[in-house]
Amino acid sequence: MKNPQQRNNATSEVRRRVETLTAAAQSESTKKCYASAVRHFLNFGGTIPCNAQTLMEYLATLSLTHKVASIELRVIAIHNAHVTAGHPSPATSPLVKRTMAGIRRTLGTAQRRVKALVKDDLLEALVLSDQQSPNRAARDKALLLIGFAGAFRRSELVALKVEDLTPHEAGLDVLLRRSKTDQEGQGRTVFIPYAKGARCPVRALNSWLEVAGITESYLFRAVSRYDRISARALSAQSVALIVKSAVRRAQGDAAAASSSGHSLRAGYCTQAAMAGLAAWQIKETSGHRSDVTLSKYIRPVQKRKIPSLL
């Protein structure tokens, strides 16, 4: 039999294990997002725990300056903070739910749709990418083409490593070890085929890796203003800035303002639909689980090309 000290040690070990497992239930990006939302609430004058009235007043204040999606995120974060600390959550209060219903009804729930970088947009941006320093130009070209061809999220792009690549005669298999819809890390493989000439994502990636001397770890690295390549991986925000810069050079500030890191993913889905690919074929690359979610990524570009019949 274990003595009291051994039992205490075993109990402490189990508690530490529980804490580790519960912490792993959320991605790092989700934790950072929730933490930022809770800090905003605390700066407003809120506390953890708080009552329903305090939360309602906070939400009413947010409704003057924030969109519905941002307010909903803060409710989830505050709810999560209460549950994690073992407190009853005010977010479950009927009064808070009615407040949120009123906010949705008043503000509407239409989401901002970022610009989809379809093939013509992408190729136009690539023509001007060489205006940058050589290393930065090689990296950005590879990132834009791979991001488009794989319909990758920006978080997926920055997590890719050399070890995730398997070359084939027809192209490249890219292993996604984890994604937004695969937090448990089951993983899936995205196939990227060769394309013609300078627009080929596989050749662009190989060229970048050769120029940068990258043989292991992260594919896409930070590049300094002096064109020096870091061992540090790009951040997800950096992907958005790279996309915006590429669009700005080709199409100006207005187009850049409506672009984001998601523009590559939306661009692939839209281009694939325009090319006549079936939904199941698009989902093979994009990883969308439902046709409904996929449809939100397909922009009505083709409709705008129909001439007037008048």
Protein backbone atom coordinates (compact mmCIF):
# COMPACT_ATOMS: atom_id res chain seq x y z
CA MET A 1 0.00 0.00 0.00
CA LYS A 2 1.07 3.56 -0.69
CA ASN A 3 1.94 5.75 2.25
CA PRO A 4 0.29 9.22 2.64
CA GLN A 5 3.23 10.97 0.96
CA GLN A 6 3.07 8.68 -2.05
CA ARG A 7 -0.70 9.20 -2.34
CA ASN A 8 -0.24 12.97 -2.20
CA ASN A 9 2.44 12.82 -4.90
CA ALA A 10 0.20 10.65 -7.08
CA THR A 11 -2.71 13.05 -6.60
CA SER A 12 -0.53 16.03 -7.52
CA GLU A 13 0.69 14.23 -10.63
CA VAL A 14 -2.88 13.49 -11.73
CA ARG A 15 -3.90 17.11 -11.16
CA ARG A 16 -0.98 18.35 -13.24
CA ARG A 17 -1.96 15.90 -15.97
CA VAL A 18 -5.56 17.14 -15.91
CA GLU A 19 -4.37 20.74 -16.18
CA THR A 20 -2.13 19.83 -19.14
CA LEU A 21 -4.93 18.02 -20.96
CA THR A 22 -7.53 20.72 -20.41
CA ALA A 23 -5.06 23.37 -21.59
CA ALA A 24 -4.45 21.35 -24.76
CA ALA A 25 -8.17 21.37 -25.59
CA GLN A 26 -7.81 24.82 -27.17
CA SER A 27 -5.36 26.00 -29.79
CA GLU A 28 -2.81 28.67 -28.92
CA SER A 29 -4.49 31.16 -31.24
CA THR A 30 -7.84 30.57 -29.50
CA LYS A 31 -6.26 31.07 -26.07
CA LYS A 32 -4.66 34.34 -27.17
CA CYS A 33 -7.93 35.53 -28.69
CA TYR A 34 -9.89 34.72 -25.52
CA ALA A 35 -7.25 36.32 -23.30
CA SER A 36 -7.37 39.53 -25.33
CA ALA A 37 -11.17 39.62 -25.11
CA VAL A 38 -11.13 39.11 -21.33
CA ARG A 39 -8.51 41.88 -20.91
CA HIS A 40 -10.80 44.22 -22.83
CA PHE A 41 -13.66 43.35 -20.46
CA LEU A 42 -11.48 43.92 -17.38
CA ASN A 43 -10.28 47.27 -18.74
CA PHE A 44 -13.93 48.22 -19.16
CA GLY A 45 -14.33 47.67 -15.42
CA GLY A 46 -15.63 44.14 -15.45
CA THR A 47 -14.53 41.37 -13.11
CA ILE A 48 -14.31 37.60 -13.16
CA PRO A 49 -16.74 36.58 -11.77
CA CYS A 50 -19.37 39.15 -12.70
CA ASN A 51 -23.15 39.27 -12.71
CA ALA A 52 -25.53 39.39 -15.67
CA GLN A 53 -26.18 43.13 -15.30
CA THR A 54 -22.49 43.99 -15.67
CA LEU A 55 -22.16 41.81 -18.75
CA MET A 56 -25.31 43.31 -20.29
CA GLU A 57 -23.97 46.85 -19.80
CA TYR A 58 -20.66 45.82 -21.39
CA LEU A 59 -22.44 44.31 -24.40
CA ALA A 60 -24.62 47.38 -24.82
CA THR A 61 -21.49 49.55 -24.88
CA LEU A 62 -19.81 47.28 -27.43
CA SER A 63 -22.88 47.48 -29.68
CA LEU A 64 -22.09 51.15 -30.33
CA THR A 65 -18.72 50.42 -31.95
CA HIS A 66 -18.35 46.69 -32.64
CA LYS A 67 -19.82 44.20 -35.08
CA VAL A 68 -21.96 41.27 -33.99
CA ALA A 69 -19.22 38.68 -34.58
CA SER A 70 -16.78 40.59 -32.34
CA ILE A 71 -19.37 40.91 -29.57
CA GLU A 72 -20.21 37.21 -29.76
CA LEU A 73 -16.53 36.36 -29.45
CA ARG A 74 -16.26 38.41 -26.24
CA VAL A 75 -19.32 36.68 -24.76
CA ILE A 76 -17.75 33.29 -25.45
CA ALA A 77 -14.42 34.39 -23.95
CA ILE A 78 -16.06 35.74 -20.79
CA HIS A 79 -18.16 32.59 -20.47
CA ASN A 80 -15.02 30.46 -20.87
CA ALA A 81 -13.18 32.48 -18.21
CA HIS A 82 -16.00 31.89 -15.71
CA VAL A 83 -16.26 28.17 -16.41
CA THR A 84 -12.48 27.68 -16.24
CA ALA A 85 -12.37 29.41 -12.85
CA GLY A 86 -15.30 27.34 -11.55
CA HIS A 87 -17.81 30.22 -11.47
CA PRO A 88 -21.39 30.28 -12.80
CA SER A 89 -21.41 32.02 -16.17
CA PRO A 90 -23.55 35.15 -16.61
CA ALA A 91 -23.60 34.40 -20.35
CA THR A 92 -26.22 31.71 -19.71
CA SER A 93 -28.61 34.23 -18.15
CA PRO A 94 -31.88 34.70 -20.08
CA LEU A 95 -31.41 38.47 -19.82
CA VAL A 96 -27.97 38.30 -21.44
CA LYS A 97 -29.34 36.05 -24.19
CA ARG A 98 -32.14 38.56 -24.84
CA THR A 99 -29.59 41.37 -24.97
CA MET A 100 -27.59 39.47 -27.60
CA ALA A 101 -30.76 38.76 -29.57
CA GLY A 102 -31.50 42.49 -29.57
CA ILE A 103 -27.96 43.30 -30.72
CA ARG A 104 -28.23 40.82 -33.59
CA ARG A 105 -31.59 42.22 -34.62
CA THR A 106 -30.38 45.82 -34.42
CA LEU A 107 -26.96 45.46 -36.04
CA GLY A 108 -27.64 42.54 -38.35
CA THR A 109 -25.41 39.51 -38.75
CA ALA A 110 -24.07 39.94 -42.28
CA GLN A 111 -20.36 39.15 -42.28
CA ARG A 112 -17.70 41.18 -44.07
CA ARG A 113 -16.53 39.19 -47.05
CA VAL A 114 -12.91 39.66 -47.99
CA LYS A 115 -11.80 39.93 -51.59
CA ALA A 116 -11.22 36.58 -53.28
CA LEU A 117 -7.90 36.44 -55.12
CA VAL A 118 -8.90 34.48 -58.23
CA LYS A 119 -6.33 33.38 -60.79
CA ASP A 120 -6.16 36.64 -62.77
CA ASP A 121 -5.76 38.69 -59.56
CA LEU A 122 -3.05 36.37 -58.30
CA LEU A 123 -1.06 36.37 -61.54
CA GLU A 124 -1.28 40.17 -61.70
CA ALA A 125 0.09 40.40 -58.16
CA LEU A 126 2.90 37.96 -58.95
CA VAL A 127 4.11 40.02 -61.92
CA LEU A 128 4.94 42.87 -59.55
CA SER A 129 6.34 40.73 -56.71
CA ASP A 130 9.85 41.01 -58.20
CA GLN A 131 9.89 44.70 -57.25
CA GLN A 132 10.97 43.54 -53.79
CA SER A 133 14.37 42.33 -52.60
CA PRO A 134 15.31 38.88 -54.02
CA ASN A 135 14.73 36.73 -50.92
CA ARG A 136 11.49 38.45 -49.98
CA ALA A 137 10.25 38.18 -53.57
CA ALA A 138 11.02 34.44 -53.71
CA ARG A 139 9.31 33.82 -50.38
CA ASP A 140 6.21 35.84 -51.20
CA LYS A 141 5.80 34.21 -54.61
CA ALA A 142 5.99 30.73 -53.07
CA LEU A 143 3.64 31.66 -50.22
CA LEU A 144 1.00 33.20 -52.49
CA LEU A 145 1.03 30.32 -54.95
CA ILE A 146 1.08 27.55 -52.34
CA GLY A 147 -1.55 29.35 -50.27
CA PHE A 148 -3.84 29.59 -53.29
CA ALA A 149 -3.20 26.11 -54.72
CA GLY A 150 -3.77 24.44 -51.35
CA ALA A 151 -6.63 26.72 -50.24
CA PHE A 152 -4.74 27.04 -46.97
CA ARG A 153 -5.71 29.13 -43.99
CA ARG A 154 -2.98 31.52 -42.90
CA SER A 155 -2.46 29.54 -39.66
CA GLU A 156 -1.92 26.40 -41.75
CA LEU A 157 0.59 28.10 -44.03
CA VAL A 158 2.84 29.32 -41.22
CA ALA A 159 2.79 25.89 -39.53
CA LEU A 160 4.04 23.99 -42.60
CA LYS A 161 7.47 22.37 -42.37
CA VAL A 162 9.85 20.71 -44.81
CA GLU A 163 9.08 17.43 -43.06
CA ASP A 164 5.43 17.78 -44.18
CA LEU A 165 6.30 17.63 -47.89
CA THR A 166 6.30 14.50 -50.05
CA PRO A 167 7.21 15.09 -53.73
CA HIS A 168 5.60 13.06 -56.52
CA GLU A 169 5.95 12.97 -60.30
CA ALA A 170 2.72 14.93 -60.69
CA GLY A 171 3.20 17.38 -57.83
CA LEU A 172 3.50 17.60 -54.07
CA ASP A 173 1.69 16.08 -51.10
CA VAL A 174 1.44 18.50 -48.18
CA LEU A 175 0.59 17.10 -44.76
CA LEU A 176 -1.54 19.35 -42.58
CA ARG A 177 -0.87 18.07 -39.09
CA ARG A 178 -3.50 20.27 -37.48
CA SER A 179 -6.05 22.86 -38.57
CA LYS A 180 -8.94 24.96 -37.35
CA THR A 181 -11.37 22.08 -37.91
CA ASP A 182 -8.89 19.42 -36.75
CA GLN A 183 -7.79 20.50 -33.28
CA GLU A 184 -7.17 16.87 -32.28
CA GLY A 185 -4.43 16.55 -34.88
CA GLN A 186 -5.74 13.69 -37.00
CA GLY A 187 -4.15 15.38 -40.00
CA ARG A 188 -4.97 15.34 -43.71
CA THR A 189 -2.99 15.56 -46.94
CA VAL A 190 -3.46 18.19 -49.63
CA PHE A 191 -2.15 17.42 -53.12
CA ILE A 192 -0.72 20.35 -55.09
CA PRO A 193 -0.16 19.55 -58.79
CA TYR A 194 2.46 21.07 -61.04
CA ALA A 195 1.30 24.05 -63.13
CA LYS A 196 2.67 25.71 -66.25
CA GLY A 197 5.78 27.86 -66.20
CA ALA A 198 6.36 30.60 -63.65
CA ARG A 199 2.91 30.16 -62.06
CA CYS A 200 3.77 26.68 -60.75
CA PRO A 201 3.41 26.58 -56.94
CA VAL A 202 5.62 23.50 -56.56
CA ARG A 203 8.52 24.99 -58.51
CA ALA A 204 8.11 28.34 -56.74
CA LEU A 205 8.32 26.60 -53.36
CA ASN A 206 11.37 24.58 -54.38
CA SER A 207 13.05 27.75 -55.65
CA TRP A 208 12.41 29.55 -52.36
CA LEU A 209 13.73 26.66 -50.28
CA GLU A 210 16.87 26.49 -52.42
CA VAL A 211 17.49 30.25 -52.27
CA ALA A 212 16.89 30.33 -48.52
CA GLY A 213 18.90 27.17 -47.84
CA ILE A 214 15.99 25.67 -45.90
CA THR A 215 16.29 21.90 -45.47
CA GLU A 216 14.25 21.39 -42.31
CA SER A 217 11.63 22.96 -40.06
CA TYR A 218 9.39 25.86 -41.14
CA LEU A 219 8.87 26.61 -44.84
CA PHE A 220 8.00 30.27 -44.60
CA ARG A 221 10.39 32.39 -42.55
CA ALA A 222 10.62 36.04 -41.63
CA VAL A 223 12.82 38.15 -43.92
CA SER A 224 14.42 41.32 -42.53
CA ARG A 225 14.51 44.73 -44.21
CA TYR A 226 18.07 43.85 -45.20
CA ASP A 227 16.79 40.70 -46.96
CA ARG A 228 18.22 38.37 -44.32
CA ILE A 229 16.29 35.17 -43.71
CA SER A 230 15.42 34.31 -40.12
CA ALA A 231 15.02 30.88 -38.55
CA ARG A 232 11.76 32.18 -37.11
CA ALA A 233 8.49 31.18 -38.76
CA LEU A 234 6.17 33.84 -40.11
CA SER A 235 3.19 34.79 -37.96
CA ALA A 236 -0.37 34.40 -39.25
CA GLN A 237 -0.67 38.19 -39.25
CA SER A 238 2.39 38.42 -41.51
CA VAL A 239 0.59 36.31 -44.12
CA ALA A 240 -2.26 38.83 -44.16
CA LEU A 241 0.23 41.69 -44.60
CA ILE A 242 2.00 39.89 -47.46
CA VAL A 243 -1.32 39.36 -49.26
CA LYS A 244 -2.35 42.98 -48.72
CA SER A 245 1.01 44.26 -49.98
CA ALA A 246 0.83 42.10 -53.11
CA VAL A 247 -2.70 43.31 -53.87
CA ARG A 248 -1.76 46.94 -53.17
CA ARG A 249 1.12 46.83 -55.67
CA ALA A 250 -1.15 45.42 -58.37
CA GLN A 251 -4.55 47.00 -57.71
CA GLY A 252 -4.15 49.87 -55.26
CA ASP A 253 -5.15 50.72 -51.71
CA ALA A 254 -8.90 50.12 -52.06
CA ALA A 255 -8.42 46.52 -53.20
CA ALA A 256 -5.80 45.94 -50.51
CA ALA A 257 -8.19 47.18 -47.80
CA SER A 258 -10.70 44.46 -48.72
CA SER A 259 -8.05 41.71 -48.85
CA SER A 260 -6.73 39.47 -46.09
CA GLY A 261 -4.89 36.22 -45.53
CA HIS A 262 -8.21 34.48 -46.25
CA SER A 263 -8.28 35.92 -49.79
CA LEU A 264 -6.11 33.06 -51.08
CA ARG A 265 -8.47 30.41 -49.70
CA ALA A 266 -11.55 32.22 -50.98
CA GLY A 267 -9.81 32.72 -54.32
CA TYR A 268 -9.15 29.01 -54.78
CA CYS A 269 -12.73 28.06 -53.91
CA THR A 270 -14.16 30.71 -56.25
CA GLN A 271 -11.80 29.82 -59.11
CA ALA A 272 -12.53 26.11 -58.71
CA ALA A 273 -16.28 26.77 -58.85
CA MET A 274 -15.81 28.95 -61.95
CA ALA A 275 -13.85 26.09 -63.55
CA GLY A 276 -16.78 23.74 -62.96
CA LEU A 277 -15.32 21.57 -60.19
CA ALA A 278 -17.92 19.78 -58.08
CA ALA A 279 -18.26 20.72 -54.41
CA TRP A 280 -16.77 17.41 -53.27
CA GLN A 281 -13.68 18.04 -55.40
CA ILE A 282 -13.18 21.53 -53.95
CA LYS A 283 -13.60 20.17 -50.41
CA GLU A 284 -10.88 17.59 -51.07
CA THR A 285 -8.43 20.49 -51.21
CA SER A 286 -10.04 23.07 -48.92
CA GLY A 287 -11.01 20.64 -46.16
CA HIS A 288 -14.48 22.15 -45.73
CA ARG A 289 -16.83 19.74 -44.04
CA SER A 290 -20.10 20.98 -45.50
CA ASP A 291 -21.38 22.45 -48.76
CA VAL A 292 -23.03 25.25 -46.78
CA THR A 293 -19.72 26.43 -45.32
CA LEU A 294 -17.98 26.07 -48.68
CA SER A 295 -20.63 28.20 -50.40
CA LYS A 296 -19.70 31.14 -48.18
CA TYR A 297 -16.21 31.12 -49.71
CA ILE A 298 -17.38 31.23 -53.32
CA ARG A 299 -17.73 34.82 -54.51
CA PRO A 300 -20.17 35.89 -57.26
CA VAL A 301 -17.35 36.90 -59.62
CA GLN A 302 -18.69 34.98 -62.59
CA LYS A 303 -22.15 36.58 -62.33
CA ARG A 304 -20.64 40.03 -62.71
CA LYS A 305 -19.17 39.05 -66.08
CA ILE A 306 -22.61 38.45 -67.63
CA PRO A 307 -23.32 41.34 -70.04
CA SER A 308 -26.57 43.28 -69.94
CA LEU A 309 -29.27 42.00 -72.27
CA LEU A 310 -30.78 45.48 -72.62
